[in-house]
Amino acid sequence: MKLLLPVAPPLNNSTYNVVGRGRVKTAKYRTWIKQADIYYLLQRLGKQKPVLEPYRCKMVFPLGTPGDLDGRAKLIIDWMVSRGLTLDDKHLMSLQLDYGNLESPRSTTVEIEVTPYGAA
């Protein structure tokens, strides 16, 4: 399965603690989830066959994406799980994160490829 998503916010800026409620998603994170859902609809990902077995994931982020890629990847992986595209990330057997020149150096999308772990 191949898809494009907007670059997720940094994991460190995705939630905050509220007394009596616990962890709450920030406005920036909630906005990103809405954007990712729009990409989901536009790419007709609901019609794609989900990867429901141990899997590997490769993500190519735009050149110049600030901060740590692993935190951004975690939010993307959690989103994919929540939309039923993949199993829980405990079944993620391999994760490759790269910088690359997608459409342009100022691209705001992440190129994602998810394949079954046993596939060649």
Protein backbone atom coordinates (compact mmCIF):
# COMPACT_ATOMS: atom_id res chain seq x y z
CA MET A 1 0.00 0.00 0.00
CA LYS A 2 1.33 3.43 -0.94
CA LEU A 3 -0.01 6.71 0.34
CA LEU A 4 0.83 10.35 0.89
CA LEU A 5 0.07 12.19 4.11
CA PRO A 6 0.86 15.66 5.39
CA VAL A 7 3.92 15.84 7.62
CA ALA A 8 2.81 15.14 11.18
CA PRO A 9 3.67 17.55 13.99
CA PRO A 10 6.46 16.57 16.37
CA LEU A 11 5.40 13.97 18.93
CA ASN A 12 6.63 16.23 21.74
CA ASN A 13 4.07 18.86 20.69
CA SER A 14 1.12 16.52 20.13
CA THR A 15 -0.37 16.31 23.63
CA TYR A 16 -0.37 18.08 26.96
CA ASN A 17 -1.56 17.14 30.45
CA VAL A 18 -4.78 18.52 31.88
CA VAL A 19 -5.51 17.96 35.54
CA GLY A 20 -8.49 15.64 35.90
CA ARG A 21 -8.49 14.69 32.20
CA GLY A 22 -5.02 13.35 31.53
CA ARG A 23 -3.36 13.69 28.14
CA VAL A 24 -5.17 15.89 25.63
CA LYS A 25 -4.36 16.34 21.93
CA THR A 26 -3.10 19.78 21.00
CA ALA A 27 -4.92 21.90 18.42
CA LYS A 28 -2.02 21.36 16.03
CA TYR A 29 -2.30 17.57 16.36
CA ARG A 30 -6.10 17.64 15.96
CA THR A 31 -5.71 19.78 12.83
CA TRP A 32 -3.17 17.34 11.40
CA ILE A 33 -5.55 14.39 12.01
CA LYS A 34 -8.26 16.23 10.06
CA GLN A 35 -5.81 16.92 7.23
CA ALA A 36 -4.69 13.27 7.18
CA ASP A 37 -8.34 12.18 7.01
CA ILE A 38 -8.84 14.40 3.95
CA TYR A 39 -5.84 12.73 2.30
CA TYR A 40 -7.42 9.37 3.27
CA LEU A 41 -10.61 10.30 1.42
CA LEU A 42 -8.88 11.82 -1.62
CA GLN A 43 -6.67 8.75 -2.07
CA ARG A 44 -9.61 6.39 -1.49
CA LEU A 45 -7.62 4.53 1.12
CA GLY A 46 -10.79 2.97 2.49
CA LYS A 47 -10.95 0.93 -0.71
CA GLN A 48 -7.35 -0.28 -0.38
CA LYS A 49 -6.66 -3.68 1.08
CA PRO A 50 -5.31 -3.12 4.61
CA VAL A 51 -2.11 -4.80 5.74
CA LEU A 52 -3.39 -7.09 8.50
CA GLU A 53 -0.25 -9.08 9.20
CA PRO A 54 3.24 -8.22 10.47
CA TYR A 55 4.45 -5.39 8.27
CA ARG A 56 7.26 -3.08 7.30
CA CYS A 57 6.91 0.63 6.69
CA LYS A 58 9.05 3.08 4.77
CA MET A 59 8.51 6.83 5.03
CA VAL A 60 10.23 9.50 2.97
CA PHE A 61 10.00 12.95 4.52
CA PRO A 62 10.65 16.20 2.67
CA LEU A 63 14.17 17.58 2.82
CA GLY A 64 14.43 20.12 5.58
CA THR A 65 11.72 18.63 7.79
CA PRO A 66 12.70 20.00 11.21
CA GLY A 67 13.04 17.92 14.34
CA ASP A 68 13.18 14.19 14.88
CA LEU A 69 11.59 12.01 12.23
CA ASP A 70 10.86 9.15 14.63
CA GLY A 71 8.35 11.18 16.65
CA ARG A 72 6.58 12.31 13.50
CA ALA A 73 6.54 8.71 12.24
CA LYS A 74 4.92 7.53 15.48
CA LEU A 75 1.94 9.83 14.94
CA ILE A 76 1.58 8.63 11.35
CA ILE A 77 1.75 4.97 12.40
CA ASP A 78 -0.84 5.53 15.12
CA TRP A 79 -3.10 7.26 12.59
CA MET A 80 -2.77 4.33 10.14
CA VAL A 81 -3.71 1.90 12.93
CA SER A 82 -6.70 4.05 13.95
CA ARG A 83 -8.00 4.04 10.36
CA GLY A 84 -7.66 0.26 10.01
CA LEU A 85 -4.93 0.44 7.36
CA THR A 86 -2.49 -1.61 9.47
CA LEU A 87 -2.46 -3.73 12.59
CA ASP A 88 -1.31 -2.31 15.91
CA ASP A 89 2.25 -1.07 15.73
CA LYS A 90 3.43 -3.98 17.89
CA HIS A 91 3.26 -5.84 14.54
CA LEU A 92 5.54 -3.30 12.84
CA MET A 93 8.66 -5.35 12.17
CA SER A 94 10.71 -2.83 10.20
CA LEU A 95 10.59 0.96 9.98
CA GLN A 96 12.72 2.95 7.55
CA LEU A 97 12.74 6.75 7.75
CA ASP A 98 14.45 8.81 5.07
CA TYR A 99 14.76 12.36 3.90
CA GLY A 100 14.15 12.77 0.22
CA ASN A 101 13.25 15.27 -2.42
CA LEU A 102 9.63 14.49 -3.19
CA GLU A 103 7.76 17.00 -5.36
CA SER A 104 10.05 19.79 -4.25
CA PRO A 105 12.32 20.69 -1.34
CA ARG A 106 9.35 22.61 0.14
CA SER A 107 7.00 19.65 -0.01
CA THR A 108 4.70 19.18 2.95
CA THR A 109 3.86 15.52 2.34
CA VAL A 110 5.34 12.23 3.48
CA GLU A 111 5.53 9.35 1.02
CA ILE A 112 4.61 6.11 2.81
CA GLU A 113 4.85 2.50 1.70
CA VAL A 114 3.51 -0.35 3.83
CA THR A 115 4.15 -3.96 2.85
CA PRO A 116 3.74 -7.32 4.56
CA TYR A 117 6.92 -8.17 6.42
CA GLY A 118 7.33 -11.51 4.68
CA ALA A 119 7.02 -10.00 1.19
CA ALA A 120 10.16 -9.79 -0.91
